[in-house]
Amino acid sequence: MWVLVLFDLPTETKRDRKIYADFRKNLLKDGFIMFQFSIYLRHCMSIENATVHTKRVRSFLPSKGHIGIMTITDKQFGAMEIFSGKNPDKDAKKTGGQQLELF
Protein backbone atom coordinates (compact mmCIF):
# COMPACT_ATOMS: atom_id res chain seq x y z
CA MET A 1 0.00 0.00 0.00
CA TRP A 2 1.05 3.58 -0.61
CA VAL A 3 -0.20 6.62 1.27
CA LEU A 4 -0.04 9.89 -0.67
CA VAL A 5 -0.46 13.26 0.99
CA LEU A 6 -1.24 16.11 -1.40
CA PHE A 7 -1.40 19.60 0.02
CA ASP A 8 -1.64 23.26 -0.83
CA LEU A 9 -0.91 25.44 2.18
CA PRO A 10 -0.72 29.24 2.34
CA THR A 11 2.77 30.77 2.61
CA GLU A 12 2.00 34.49 2.56
CA THR A 13 3.00 35.35 6.13
CA LYS A 14 5.90 34.28 8.29
CA ARG A 15 3.45 32.33 10.49
CA ASP A 16 2.01 30.56 7.42
CA ARG A 17 5.50 29.55 6.30
CA LYS A 18 6.25 28.16 9.78
CA ILE A 19 3.03 26.12 9.73
CA TYR A 20 3.94 24.82 6.25
CA ALA A 21 7.47 23.90 7.40
CA ASP A 22 6.17 22.16 10.53
CA PHE A 23 3.65 20.14 8.50
CA ARG A 24 6.36 19.09 6.05
CA LYS A 25 8.75 18.16 8.90
CA ASN A 26 6.05 16.04 10.53
CA LEU A 27 5.53 14.18 7.24
CA LEU A 28 9.26 13.53 6.94
CA LYS A 29 9.45 12.42 10.58
CA ASP A 30 6.67 9.91 9.89
CA GLY A 31 8.64 8.38 7.01
CA PHE A 32 7.11 10.18 4.03
CA ILE A 33 9.33 11.19 1.14
CA MET A 34 8.80 14.00 -1.34
CA PHE A 35 7.46 12.78 -4.69
CA GLN A 36 6.83 16.25 -6.10
CA PHE A 37 6.41 19.65 -4.52
CA SER A 38 3.49 19.33 -2.10
CA ILE A 39 3.09 15.60 -2.79
CA TYR A 40 4.59 13.22 -0.25
CA LEU A 41 4.30 9.46 -0.18
CA ARG A 42 5.02 6.55 2.11
CA HIS A 43 5.06 2.82 1.48
CA CYS A 44 3.14 0.69 3.98
CA MET A 45 3.18 -3.08 4.32
CA SER A 46 -0.58 -3.43 4.88
CA ILE A 47 -3.85 -1.53 4.88
CA GLU A 48 -3.73 -1.54 8.69
CA ASN A 49 -0.31 0.12 8.63
CA ALA A 50 -1.55 2.65 6.04
CA THR A 51 -4.49 3.46 8.34
CA VAL A 52 -2.08 4.14 11.22
CA HIS A 53 -0.12 6.66 9.13
CA THR A 54 -3.28 8.25 7.73
CA LYS A 55 -4.54 8.82 11.28
CA ARG A 56 -1.14 10.22 12.26
CA VAL A 57 -1.22 12.75 9.40
CA ARG A 58 -4.74 13.75 10.46
CA SER A 59 -3.40 14.45 13.95
CA PHE A 60 -1.09 17.24 12.71
CA LEU A 61 -3.21 18.81 9.96
CA PRO A 62 -2.92 22.61 9.84
CA SER A 63 -6.08 24.69 10.19
CA LYS A 64 -5.62 26.47 6.83
CA GLY A 65 -5.06 25.11 3.35
CA HIS A 66 -6.17 22.05 1.41
CA ILE A 67 -4.88 18.57 2.20
CA GLY A 68 -5.78 15.30 0.51
CA ILE A 69 -4.78 11.85 1.73
CA MET A 70 -5.02 8.93 -0.70
CA THR A 71 -4.23 5.26 -0.23
CA ILE A 72 -3.44 3.13 -3.29
CA THR A 73 -2.17 -0.39 -3.84
CA ASP A 74 1.30 -1.37 -5.05
CA LYS A 75 -0.23 -2.43 -8.37
CA GLN A 76 -1.92 0.94 -8.84
CA PHE A 77 1.28 2.77 -7.93
CA GLY A 78 3.28 0.55 -10.31
CA ALA A 79 0.91 1.37 -13.17
CA MET A 80 1.70 5.09 -12.86
CA GLU A 81 3.53 6.60 -15.80
CA ILE A 82 6.23 9.02 -14.72
CA PHE A 83 7.89 11.50 -17.07
CA SER A 84 10.76 13.80 -16.23
CA GLY A 85 10.65 16.72 -18.64
CA LYS A 86 10.71 14.57 -21.75
CA ASN A 87 8.14 13.68 -24.38
CA PRO A 88 8.37 9.87 -24.64
CA ASP A 89 6.92 9.67 -28.18
CA LYS A 90 9.21 12.40 -29.53
CA ASP A 91 12.32 10.97 -27.80
CA ALA A 92 11.60 7.44 -29.06
CA LYS A 93 11.50 8.67 -32.67
CA LYS A 94 14.74 10.62 -32.28
CA THR A 95 16.84 7.86 -30.76
CA GLY A 96 15.48 4.87 -32.64
CA GLY A 97 17.10 1.49 -32.03
CA GLN A 98 20.69 0.88 -31.09
CA GLN A 99 22.90 -0.57 -33.81
CA LEU A 100 25.53 -3.02 -32.61
CA GLU A 101 28.70 -3.69 -34.58
CA LEU A 102 30.47 -7.01 -34.43
CA PHE A 103 34.10 -7.32 -35.42
PDB file of N, CA and C in Angstrom:
ATOM      1  N   MET A   1       0.838  -1.180   0.000  1.00  0.00           N
ATOM      2  CA  MET A   1       0.000   0.000   0.000  1.00  0.00           C
ATOM      3  C   MET A   1       0.885   1.246   0.000  1.00  0.00           C
ATOM      4  N   TRP A   2       0.376   2.276  -0.600  1.00  0.00           N
ATOM      5  CA  TRP A   2       1.049   3.579  -0.613  1.00  0.00           C
ATOM      6  C   TRP A   2       0.086   4.625  -0.074  1.00  0.00           C
ATOM      7  N   VAL A   3       0.581   5.492   0.773  1.00  0.00           N
ATOM      8  CA  VAL A   3      -0.198   6.618   1.270  1.00  0.00           C
ATOM      9  C   VAL A   3       0.388   7.876   0.645  1.00  0.00           C
ATOM     10  N   LEU A   4      -0.450   8.625  -0.053  1.00  0.00           N
ATOM     11  CA  LEU A   4      -0.035   9.886  -0.671  1.00  0.00           C
ATOM     12  C   LEU A   4      -0.707  11.030   0.057  1.00  0.00           C
ATOM     13  N   VAL A   5       0.065  12.049   0.374  1.00  0.00           N
ATOM     14  CA  VAL A   5      -0.464  13.260   0.986  1.00  0.00           C
ATOM     15  C   VAL A   5      -0.218  14.398  -0.001  1.00  0.00           C
ATOM     16  N   LEU A   6      -1.306  15.004  -0.447  1.00  0.00           N
ATOM     17  CA  LEU A   6      -1.243  16.111  -1.399  1.00  0.00           C
ATOM     18  C   LEU A   6      -1.730  17.353  -0.675  1.00  0.00           C
ATOM     19  N   PHE A   7      -0.984  18.430  -0.745  1.00  0.00           N
ATOM     20  CA  PHE A   7      -1.397  19.603   0.019  1.00  0.00           C
ATOM     21  C   PHE A   7      -1.050  20.898  -0.682  1.00  0.00           C
ATOM     22  N   ASP A   8      -1.844  21.895  -0.358  1.00  0.00           N
ATOM     23  CA  ASP A   8      -1.640  23.260  -0.830  1.00  0.00           C
ATOM     24  C   ASP A   8      -1.882  24.154   0.373  1.00  0.00           C
ATOM     25  N   LEU A   9      -0.813  24.636   0.964  1.00  0.00           N
ATOM     26  CA  LEU A   9      -0.910  25.444   2.177  1.00  0.00           C
ATOM     27  C   LEU A   9      -0.484  26.873   1.878  1.00  0.00           C
ATOM     28  N   PRO A  10      -1.108  27.839   2.551  1.00  0.00           N
ATOM     29  CA  PRO A  10      -0.717  29.237   2.338  1.00  0.00           C
ATOM     30  C   PRO A  10       0.691  29.510   2.871  1.00  0.00           C
ATOM     31  N   THR A  11       1.410  30.404   2.196  1.00  0.00           N
ATOM     32  CA  THR A  11       2.768  30.768   2.612  1.00  0.00           C
ATOM     33  C   THR A  11       2.975  32.282   2.550  1.00  0.00           C
ATOM     34  N   GLU A  12       1.900  33.037   2.698  1.00  0.00           N
ATOM     35  CA  GLU A  12       2.001  34.493   2.563  1.00  0.00           C
ATOM     36  C   GLU A  12       2.694  35.164   3.742  1.00  0.00           C
ATOM     37  N   THR A  13       2.415  34.712   4.946  1.00  0.00           N
ATOM     38  CA  THR A  13       3.003  35.345   6.129  1.00  0.00           C
ATOM     39  C   THR A  13       4.085  34.460   6.724  1.00  0.00           C
ATOM     40  N   LYS A  14       4.858  35.045   7.617  1.00  0.00           N
ATOM     41  CA  LYS A  14       5.904  34.284   8.293  1.00  0.00           C
ATOM     42  C   LYS A  14       5.288  33.125   9.090  1.00  0.00           C
ATOM     43  N   ARG A  15       4.147  33.381   9.727  1.00  0.00           N
ATOM     44  CA  ARG A  15       3.452  32.334  10.489  1.00  0.00           C
ATOM     45  C   ARG A  15       2.976  31.208   9.567  1.00  0.00           C
ATOM     46  N   ASP A  16       2.436  31.569   8.397  1.00  0.00           N
ATOM     47  CA  ASP A  16       2.007  30.560   7.416  1.00  0.00           C
ATOM     48  C   ASP A  16       3.174  29.686   6.979  1.00  0.00           C
ATOM     49  N   ARG A  17       4.325  30.307   6.735  1.00  0.00           N
ATOM     50  CA  ARG A  17       5.504  29.545   6.297  1.00  0.00           C
ATOM     51  C   ARG A  17       5.982  28.600   7.402  1.00  0.00           C
ATOM     52  N   LYS A  18       5.871  29.028   8.654  1.00  0.00           N
ATOM     53  CA  LYS A  18       6.246  28.161   9.783  1.00  0.00           C
ATOM     54  C   LYS A  18       5.303  26.960   9.868  1.00  0.00           C
ATOM     55  N   ILE A  19       4.010  27.211   9.702  1.00  0.00           N
ATOM     56  CA  ILE A  19       3.029  26.120   9.730  1.00  0.00           C
ATOM     57  C   ILE A  19       3.306  25.140   8.598  1.00  0.00           C
ATOM     58  N   TYR A  20       3.603  25.661   7.404  1.00  0.00           N
ATOM     59  CA  TYR A  20       3.945  24.822   6.252  1.00  0.00           C
ATOM     60  C   TYR A  20       5.176  23.970   6.563  1.00  0.00           C
ATOM     61  N   ALA A  21       6.218  24.603   7.090  1.00  0.00           N
ATOM     62  CA  ALA A  21       7.468  23.896   7.396  1.00  0.00           C
ATOM     63  C   ALA A  21       7.247  22.824   8.464  1.00  0.00           C
ATOM     64  N   ASP A  22       6.456  23.136   9.484  1.00  0.00           N
ATOM     65  CA  ASP A  22       6.173  22.158  10.529  1.00  0.00           C
ATOM     66  C   ASP A  22       5.394  20.958   9.981  1.00  0.00           C
ATOM     67  N   PHE A  23       4.418  21.224   9.104  1.00  0.00           N
ATOM     68  CA  PHE A  23       3.648  20.139   8.503  1.00  0.00           C
ATOM     69  C   PHE A  23       4.571  19.231   7.682  1.00  0.00           C
ATOM     70  N   ARG A  24       5.415  19.846   6.875  1.00  0.00           N
ATOM     71  CA  ARG A  24       6.359  19.092   6.047  1.00  0.00           C
ATOM     72  C   ARG A  24       7.325  18.274   6.915  1.00  0.00           C
ATOM     73  N   LYS A  25       7.844  18.874   7.991  1.00  0.00           N
ATOM     74  CA  LYS A  25       8.753  18.162   8.898  1.00  0.00           C
ATOM     75  C   LYS A  25       8.067  16.981   9.561  1.00  0.00           C
ATOM     76  N   ASN A  26       6.796  17.145   9.933  1.00  0.00           N
ATOM     77  CA  ASN A  26       6.047  16.039  10.526  1.00  0.00           C
ATOM     78  C   ASN A  26       5.864  14.894   9.528  1.00  0.00           C
ATOM     79  N   LEU A  27       5.626  15.228   8.265  1.00  0.00           N
ATOM     80  CA  LEU A  27       5.529  14.184   7.240  1.00  0.00           C
ATOM     81  C   LEU A  27       6.848  13.427   7.119  1.00  0.00           C
ATOM     82  N   LEU A  28       7.947  14.160   7.056  1.00  0.00           N
ATOM     83  CA  LEU A  28       9.264  13.530   6.938  1.00  0.00           C
ATOM     84  C   LEU A  28       9.572  12.675   8.162  1.00  0.00           C
ATOM     85  N   LYS A  29       9.209  13.164   9.342  1.00  0.00           N
ATOM     86  CA  LYS A  29       9.454  12.424  10.580  1.00  0.00           C
ATOM     87  C   LYS A  29       8.657  11.115  10.610  1.00  0.00           C
ATOM     88  N   ASP A  30       7.502  11.104   9.939  1.00  0.00           N
ATOM     89  CA  ASP A  30       6.666   9.906   9.893  1.00  0.00           C
ATOM     90  C   ASP A  30       7.057   8.976   8.743  1.00  0.00           C
ATOM     91  N   GLY A  31       8.137   9.285   8.039  1.00  0.00           N
ATOM     92  CA  GLY A  31       8.639   8.375   7.008  1.00  0.00           C
ATOM     93  C   GLY A  31       8.182   8.676   5.595  1.00  0.00           C
ATOM     94  N   PHE A  32       7.518   9.798   5.386  1.00  0.00           N
ATOM     95  CA  PHE A  32       7.109  10.176   4.033  1.00  0.00           C
ATOM     96  C   PHE A  32       8.303  10.756   3.290  1.00  0.00           C
ATOM     97  N   ILE A  33       8.291  10.595   1.974  1.00  0.00           N
ATOM     98  CA  ILE A  33       9.327  11.193   1.139  1.00  0.00           C
ATOM     99  C   ILE A  33       8.644  12.089   0.098  1.00  0.00           C
ATOM    100  N   MET A  34       9.366  13.093  -0.355  1.00  0.00           N
ATOM    101  CA  MET A  34       8.799  14.003  -1.342  1.00  0.00           C
ATOM    102  C   MET A  34       8.790  13.330  -2.714  1.00  0.00           C
ATOM    103  N   PHE A  35       7.609  13.309  -3.337  1.00  0.00           N
ATOM    104  CA  PHE A  35       7.463  12.780  -4.692  1.00  0.00           C
ATOM    105  C   PHE A  35       7.511  13.933  -5.683  1.00  0.00           C
ATOM    106  N   GLN A  36       6.797  14.991  -5.374  1.00  0.00           N
ATOM    107  CA  GLN A  36       6.828  16.253  -6.099  1.00  0.00           C
ATOM    108  C   GLN A  36       6.587  17.340  -5.068  1.00  0.00           C
ATOM    109  N   PHE A  37       6.717  18.592  -5.464  1.00  0.00           N
ATOM    110  CA  PHE A  37       6.406  19.655  -4.518  1.00  0.00           C
ATOM    111  C   PHE A  37       4.976  19.459  -4.027  1.00  0.00           C
ATOM    112  N   SER A  38       4.797  19.463  -2.740  1.00  0.00           N
ATOM    113  CA  SER A  38       3.493  19.333  -2.096  1.00  0.00           C
ATOM    114  C   SER A  38       2.821  17.982  -2.314  1.00  0.00           C
ATOM    115  N   ILE A  39       3.584  16.971  -2.720  1.00  0.00           N
ATOM    116  CA  ILE A  39       3.087  15.598  -2.788  1.00  0.00           C
ATOM    117  C   ILE A  39       4.120  14.707  -2.110  1.00  0.00           C
ATOM    118  N   TYR A  40       3.712  14.102  -1.019  1.00  0.00           N
ATOM    119  CA  TYR A  40       4.592  13.224  -0.255  1.00  0.00           C
ATOM    120  C   TYR A  40       3.974  11.835  -0.209  1.00  0.00           C
ATOM    121  N   LEU A  41       4.816  10.818  -0.206  1.00  0.00           N
ATOM    122  CA  LEU A  41       4.296   9.460  -0.183  1.00  0.00           C
ATOM    123  C   LEU A  41       5.082   8.585   0.770  1.00  0.00           C
ATOM    124  N   ARG A  42       4.417   7.501   1.168  1.00  0.00           N
ATOM    125  CA  ARG A  42       5.022   6.550   2.106  1.00  0.00           C
ATOM    126  C   ARG A  42       4.527   5.170   1.763  1.00  0.00           C
ATOM    127  N   HIS A  43       5.442   4.208   1.714  1.00  0.00           N
ATOM    128  CA  HIS A  43       5.064   2.819   1.476  1.00  0.00           C
ATOM    129  C   HIS A  43       4.684   2.179   2.806  1.00  0.00           C
ATOM    130  N   CYS A  44       3.612   1.404   2.796  1.00  0.00           N
ATOM    131  CA  CYS A  44       3.144   0.693   3.985  1.00  0.00           C
ATOM    132  C   CYS A  44       2.961  -0.780   3.626  1.00  0.00           C
ATOM    133  N   MET A  45       3.232  -1.643   4.572  1.00  0.00           N
ATOM    134  CA  MET A  45       3.184  -3.083   4.321  1.00  0.00           C
ATOM    135  C   MET A  45       1.756  -3.640   4.275  1.00  0.00           C
ATOM    136  N   SER A  46       0.791  -2.920   4.841  1.00  0.00           N
ATOM    137  CA  SER A  46      -0.584  -3.428   4.876  1.00  0.00           C
ATOM    138  C   SER A  46      -1.552  -2.261   4.958  1.00  0.00           C
ATOM    139  N   ILE A  47      -2.827  -2.564   4.759  1.00  0.00           N
ATOM    140  CA  ILE A  47      -3.854  -1.534   4.881  1.00  0.00           C
ATOM    141  C   ILE A  47      -3.945  -1.046   6.322  1.00  0.00           C
ATOM    142  N   GLU A  48      -3.706  -1.932   7.275  1.00  0.00           N
ATOM    143  CA  GLU A  48      -3.731  -1.537   8.687  1.00  0.00           C
ATOM    144  C   GLU A  48      -2.629  -0.531   8.981  1.00  0.00           C
ATOM    145  N   ASN A  49      -1.431  -0.791   8.446  1.00  0.00           N
ATOM    146  CA  ASN A  49      -0.312   0.121   8.629  1.00  0.00           C
ATOM    147  C   ASN A  49      -0.581   1.459   7.939  1.00  0.00           C
ATOM    148  N   ALA A  50      -1.201   1.424   6.759  1.00  0.00           N
ATOM    149  CA  ALA A  50      -1.555   2.650   6.043  1.00  0.00           C
ATOM    150  C   ALA A  50      -2.563   3.461   6.851  1.00  0.00           C
ATOM    151  N   THR A  51      -3.495   2.778   7.507  1.00  0.00           N
ATOM    152  CA  THR A  51      -4.488   3.457   8.336  1.00  0.00           C
ATOM    153  C   THR A  51      -3.827   4.165   9.515  1.00  0.00           C
ATOM    154  N   VAL A  52      -2.816   3.530  10.114  1.00  0.00           N
ATOM    155  CA  VAL A  52      -2.079   4.143  11.218  1.00  0.00           C
ATOM    156  C   VAL A  52      -1.448   5.458  10.770  1.00  0.00           C
ATOM    157  N   HIS A  53      -0.811   5.455   9.609  1.00  0.00           N
ATOM    158  CA  HIS A  53      -0.120   6.656   9.127  1.00  0.00           C
ATOM    159  C   HIS A  53      -1.115   7.722   8.662  1.00  0.00           C
ATOM    160  N   THR A  54      -2.240   7.296   8.112  1.00  0.00           N
ATOM    161  CA  THR A  54      -3.280   8.252   7.730  1.00  0.00           C
ATOM    162  C   THR A  54      -3.809   8.967   8.966  1.00  0.00           C
ATOM    163  N   LYS A  55      -4.069   8.215  10.028  1.00  0.00           N
ATOM    164  CA  LYS A  55      -4.535   8.824  11.279  1.00  0.00           C
ATOM    165  C   LYS A  55      -3.482   9.762  11.862  1.00  0.00           C
ATOM    166  N   ARG A  56      -2.220   9.379  11.738  1.00  0.00           N
ATOM    167  CA  ARG A  56      -1.136  10.221  12.261  1.00  0.00           C
ATOM    168  C   ARG A  56      -1.077  11.550  11.512  1.00  0.00           C
ATOM    169  N   VAL A  57      -1.224  11.509  10.186  1.00  0.00           N
ATOM    170  CA  VAL A  57      -1.223  12.751   9.402  1.00  0.00           C
ATOM    171  C   VAL A  57      -2.406  13.614   9.813  1.00  0.00           C
ATOM    172  N   ARG A  58      -3.561  12.995  10.020  1.00  0.00           N
ATOM    173  CA  ARG A  58      -4.742  13.753  10.459  1.00  0.00           C
ATOM    174  C   ARG A  58      -4.493  14.455  11.781  1.00  0.00           C
ATOM    175  N   SER A  59      -3.644  13.870  12.623  1.00  0.00           N
ATOM    176  CA  SER A  59      -3.401  14.450  13.948  1.00  0.00           C
ATOM    177  C   SER A  59      -2.601  15.753  13.883  1.00  0.00           C
ATOM    178  N   PHE A  60      -1.863  15.990  12.798  1.00  0.00           N
ATOM    179  CA  PHE A  60      -1.090  17.238  12.707  1.00  0.00           C
ATOM    180  C   PHE A  60      -1.482  18.101  11.499  1.00  0.00           C
ATOM    181  N   LEU A  61      -2.737  17.975  11.060  1.00  0.00           N
ATOM    182  CA  LEU A  61      -3.214  18.805   9.959  1.00  0.00           C
ATOM    183  C   LEU A  61      -3.270  20.273  10.378  1.00  0.00           C
ATOM    184  N   PRO A  62      -2.798  21.182   9.531  1.00  0.00           N
ATOM    185  CA  PRO A  62      -2.920  22.608   9.838  1.00  0.00           C
ATOM    186  C   PRO A  62      -4.369  23.068   9.653  1.00  0.00           C
ATOM    187  N   SER A  63      -4.696  24.192  10.247  1.00  0.00           N
ATOM    188  CA  SER A  63      -6.080  24.686  10.188  1.00  0.00           C
ATOM    189  C   SER A  63      -6.404  25.341   8.845  1.00  0.00           C
ATOM    190  N   LYS A  64      -5.402  25.831   8.130  1.00  0.00           N
ATOM    191  CA  LYS A  64      -5.620  26.474   6.830  1.00  0.00           C
ATOM    192  C   LYS A  64      -5.089  25.580   5.717  1.00  0.00           C
ATOM    193  N   GLY A  65      -5.576  25.815   4.508  1.00  0.00           N
ATOM    194  CA  GLY A  65      -5.064  25.111   3.348  1.00  0.00           C
ATOM    195  C   GLY A  65      -5.923  23.925   2.957  1.00  0.00           C
ATOM    196  N   HIS A  66      -5.457  23.215   1.932  1.00  0.00           N
ATOM    197  CA  HIS A  66      -6.168  22.054   1.406  1.00  0.00           C
ATOM    198  C   HIS A  66      -5.223  20.859   1.460  1.00  0.00           C
ATOM    199  N   ILE A  67      -5.690  19.774   2.066  1.00  0.00           N
ATOM    200  CA  ILE A  67      -4.878  18.565   2.201  1.00  0.00           C
ATOM    201  C   ILE A  67      -5.717  17.382   1.753  1.00  0.00           C
ATOM    202  N   GLY A  68      -5.129  16.536   0.934  1.00  0.00           N
ATOM    203  CA  GLY A  68      -5.776  15.299   0.513  1.00  0.00           C
ATOM    204  C   GLY A  68      -4.889  14.123   0.908  1.00  0.00           C
ATOM    205  N   ILE A  69      -5.512  13.057   1.380  1.00  0.00           N
ATOM    206  CA  ILE A  69      -4.780  11.845   1.730  1.00  0.00           C
ATOM    207  C   ILE A  69      -5.386  10.714   0.912  1.00  0.00           C
ATOM    208  N   MET A  70      -4.560  10.001   0.167  1.00  0.00           N
ATOM    209  CA  MET A  70      -5.023   8.934  -0.704  1.00  0.00           C
ATOM    210  C   MET A  70      -4.218   7.670  -0.420  1.00  0.00           C
ATOM    211  N   THR A  71      -4.894   6.545  -0.400  1.00  0.00           N
ATOM    212  CA  THR A  71      -4.230   5.258  -0.233  1.00  0.00           C
ATOM    213  C   THR A  71      -4.447   4.449  -1.504  1.00  0.00           C
ATOM    214  N   ILE A  72      -3.346   3.946  -2.085  1.00  0.00           N
ATOM    215  CA  ILE A  72      -3.443   3.132  -3.291  1.00  0.00           C
ATOM    216  C   ILE A  72      -2.604   1.866  -3.113  1.00  0.00           C
ATOM    217  N   THR A  73      -2.890   0.878  -3.926  1.00  0.00           N
ATOM    218  CA  THR A  73      -2.168  -0.392  -3.841  1.00  0.00           C
ATOM    219  C   THR A  73      -0.830  -0.301  -4.579  1.00  0.00           C
ATOM    220  N   ASP A  74       0.029  -1.298  -4.333  1.00  0.00           N
ATOM    221  CA  ASP A  74       1.304  -1.372  -5.054  1.00  0.00           C
ATOM    222  C   ASP A  74       1.067  -1.481  -6.554  1.00  0.00           C
ATOM    223  N   LYS A  75       0.049  -2.248  -6.938  1.00  0.00           N
ATOM    224  CA  LYS A  75      -0.233  -2.431  -8.366  1.00  0.00           C
ATOM    225  C   LYS A  75      -0.654  -1.115  -9.008  1.00  0.00           C
ATOM    226  N   GLN A  76      -1.503  -0.356  -8.320  1.00  0.00           N
ATOM    227  CA  GLN A  76      -1.923   0.940  -8.844  1.00  0.00           C
ATOM    228  C   GLN A  76      -0.740   1.898  -8.940  1.00  0.00           C
ATOM    229  N   PHE A  77       0.104   1.898  -7.913  1.00  0.00           N
ATOM    230  CA  PHE A  77       1.284   2.765  -7.934  1.00  0.00           C
ATOM    231  C   PHE A  77       2.228   2.354  -9.064  1.00  0.00           C
ATOM    232  N   GLY A  78       2.393   1.051  -9.255  1.00  0.00           N
ATOM    233  CA  GLY A  78       3.277   0.554 -10.308  1.00  0.00           C
ATOM    234  C   GLY A  78       2.779   0.864 -11.699  1.00  0.00           C
ATOM    235  N   ALA A  79       1.475   1.064 -11.854  1.00  0.00           N
ATOM    236  CA  ALA A  79       0.908   1.373 -13.165  1.00  0.00           C
ATOM    237  C   ALA A  79       1.046   2.849 -13.525  1.00  0.00           C
ATOM    238  N   MET A  80       1.541   3.658 -12.598  1.00  0.00           N
ATOM    239  CA  MET A  80       1.700   5.091 -12.857  1.00  0.00           C
ATOM    240  C   MET A  80       2.788   5.319 -13.900  1.00  0.00           C
ATOM    241  N   GLU A  81       2.510   6.204 -14.831  1.00  0.00           N
ATOM    242  CA  GLU A  81       3.526   6.596 -15.804  1.00  0.00           C
ATOM    243  C   GLU A  81       4.169   7.875 -15.299  1.00  0.00           C
ATOM    244  N   ILE A  82       5.494   7.873 -15.239  1.00  0.00           N
ATOM    245  CA  ILE A  82       6.232   9.023 -14.721  1.00  0.00           C
ATOM    246  C   ILE A  82       7.145   9.557 -15.822  1.00  0.00           C
ATOM    247  N   PHE A  83       7.058  10.853 -16.058  1.00  0.00           N
ATOM    248  CA  PHE A  83       7.885  11.500 -17.073  1.00  0.00           C
ATOM    249  C   PHE A  83       8.668  12.625 -16.417  1.00  0.00           C
ATOM    250  N   SER A  84       9.904  12.776 -16.811  1.00  0.00           N
ATOM    251  CA  SER A  84      10.758  13.804 -16.231  1.00  0.00           C
ATOM    252  C   SER A  84      11.202  14.779 -17.307  1.00  0.00           C
ATOM    253  N   GLY A  85      10.308  15.661 -17.694  1.00  0.00           N
ATOM    254  CA  GLY A  85      10.650  16.716 -18.638  1.00  0.00           C
ATOM    255  C   GLY A  85      10.948  16.248 -20.042  1.00  0.00           C
ATOM    256  N   LYS A  86      10.470  15.074 -20.410  1.00  0.00           N
ATOM    257  CA  LYS A  86      10.714  14.567 -21.751  1.00  0.00           C
ATOM    258  C   LYS A  86       9.401  14.090 -22.353  1.00  0.00           C
ATOM    259  N   ASN A  87       9.291  14.199 -23.654  1.00  0.00           N
ATOM    260  CA  ASN A  87       8.141  13.679 -24.375  1.00  0.00           C
ATOM    261  C   ASN A  87       8.518  12.281 -24.854  1.00  0.00           C
ATOM    262  N   PRO A  88       7.926  11.218 -24.303  1.00  0.00           N
ATOM    263  CA  PRO A  88       8.370   9.866 -24.637  1.00  0.00           C
ATOM    264  C   PRO A  88       8.195   9.511 -26.110  1.00  0.00           C
ATOM    265  N   ASP A  89       7.118   9.982 -26.764  1.00  0.00           N
ATOM    266  CA  ASP A  89       6.916   9.672 -28.178  1.00  0.00           C
ATOM    267  C   ASP A  89       7.959  10.359 -29.043  1.00  0.00           C
ATOM    268  N   LYS A  90       8.232  11.621 -28.755  1.00  0.00           N
ATOM    269  CA  LYS A  90       9.206  12.396 -29.525  1.00  0.00           C
ATOM    270  C   LYS A  90      10.613  11.825 -29.333  1.00  0.00           C
ATOM    271  N   ASP A  91      10.986  11.485 -28.083  1.00  0.00           N
ATOM    272  CA  ASP A  91      12.318  10.968 -27.804  1.00  0.00           C
ATOM    273  C   ASP A  91      12.524   9.580 -28.414  1.00  0.00           C
ATOM    274  N   ALA A  92      11.482   8.773 -28.478  1.00  0.00           N
ATOM    275  CA  ALA A  92      11.602   7.436 -29.058  1.00  0.00           C
ATOM    276  C   ALA A  92      11.889   7.531 -30.551  1.00  0.00           C
ATOM    277  N   LYS A  93      11.273   8.495 -31.232  1.00  0.00           N
ATOM    278  CA  LYS A  93      11.500   8.672 -32.669  1.00  0.00           C
ATOM    279  C   LYS A  93      12.902   9.181 -32.942  1.00  0.00           C
ATOM    280  N   LYS A  94      13.418  10.044 -32.067  1.00  0.00           N
ATOM    281  CA  LYS A  94      14.744  10.618 -32.277  1.00  0.00           C
ATOM    282  C   LYS A  94      15.831   9.566 -32.124  1.00  0.00           C
ATOM    283  N   THR A  95      15.754   8.769 -31.071  1.00  0.00           N
ATOM    284  CA  THR A  95      16.840   7.856 -30.763  1.00  0.00           C
ATOM    285  C   THR A  95      16.794   6.586 -31.591  1.00  0.00           C
ATOM    286  N   GLY A  96      15.594   6.095 -31.880  1.00  0.00           N
ATOM    287  CA  GLY A  96      15.479   4.865 -32.642  1.00  0.00           C
ATOM    288  C   GLY A  96      16.121   3.707 -31.903  1.00  0.00           C
ATOM    289  N   GLY A  97      16.452   2.654 -32.635  1.00  0.00           N
ATOM    290  CA  GLY A  97      17.099   1.491 -32.034  1.00  0.00           C
ATOM    291  C   GLY A  97      18.595   1.668 -31.973  1.00  0.00           C
ATOM    292  N   GLN A  98      19.230   0.808 -31.222  1.00  0.00           N
ATOM    293  CA  GLN A  98      20.692   0.881 -31.091  1.00  0.00           C
ATOM    294  C   GLN A  98      21.294  -0.137 -32.063  1.00  0.00           C
ATOM    295  N   GLN A  99      22.237   0.298 -32.857  1.00  0.00           N
ATOM    296  CA  GLN A  99      22.902  -0.570 -33.811  1.00  0.00           C
ATOM    297  C   GLN A  99      24.171  -1.103 -33.191  1.00  0.00           C
ATOM    298  N   LEU A 100      24.310  -2.399 -33.141  1.00  0.00           N
ATOM    299  CA  LEU A 100      25.527  -3.025 -32.614  1.00  0.00           C
ATOM    300  C   LEU A 100      26.432  -3.427 -33.762  1.00  0.00           C
ATOM    301  N   GLU A 101      27.731  -3.265 -33.572  1.00  0.00           N
ATOM    302  CA  GLU A 101      28.695  -3.687 -34.584  1.00  0.00           C
ATOM    303  C   GLU A 101      29.500  -4.839 -34.030  1.00  0.00           C
ATOM    304  N   LEU A 102      29.652  -5.864 -34.819  1.00  0.00           N
ATOM    305  CA  LEU A 102      30.468  -7.015 -34.428  1.00  0.00           C
ATOM    306  C   LEU A 102      31.722  -7.040 -35.278  1.00  0.00           C
ATOM    307  N   PHE A 103      32.848  -7.290 -34.670  1.00  0.00           N
ATOM    308  CA  PHE A 103      34.100  -7.315 -35.420  1.00  0.00           C
ATOM    309  C   PHE A 103      34.549  -8.718 -35.691  1.00  0.00           C
TER     310      PHE A 103
END
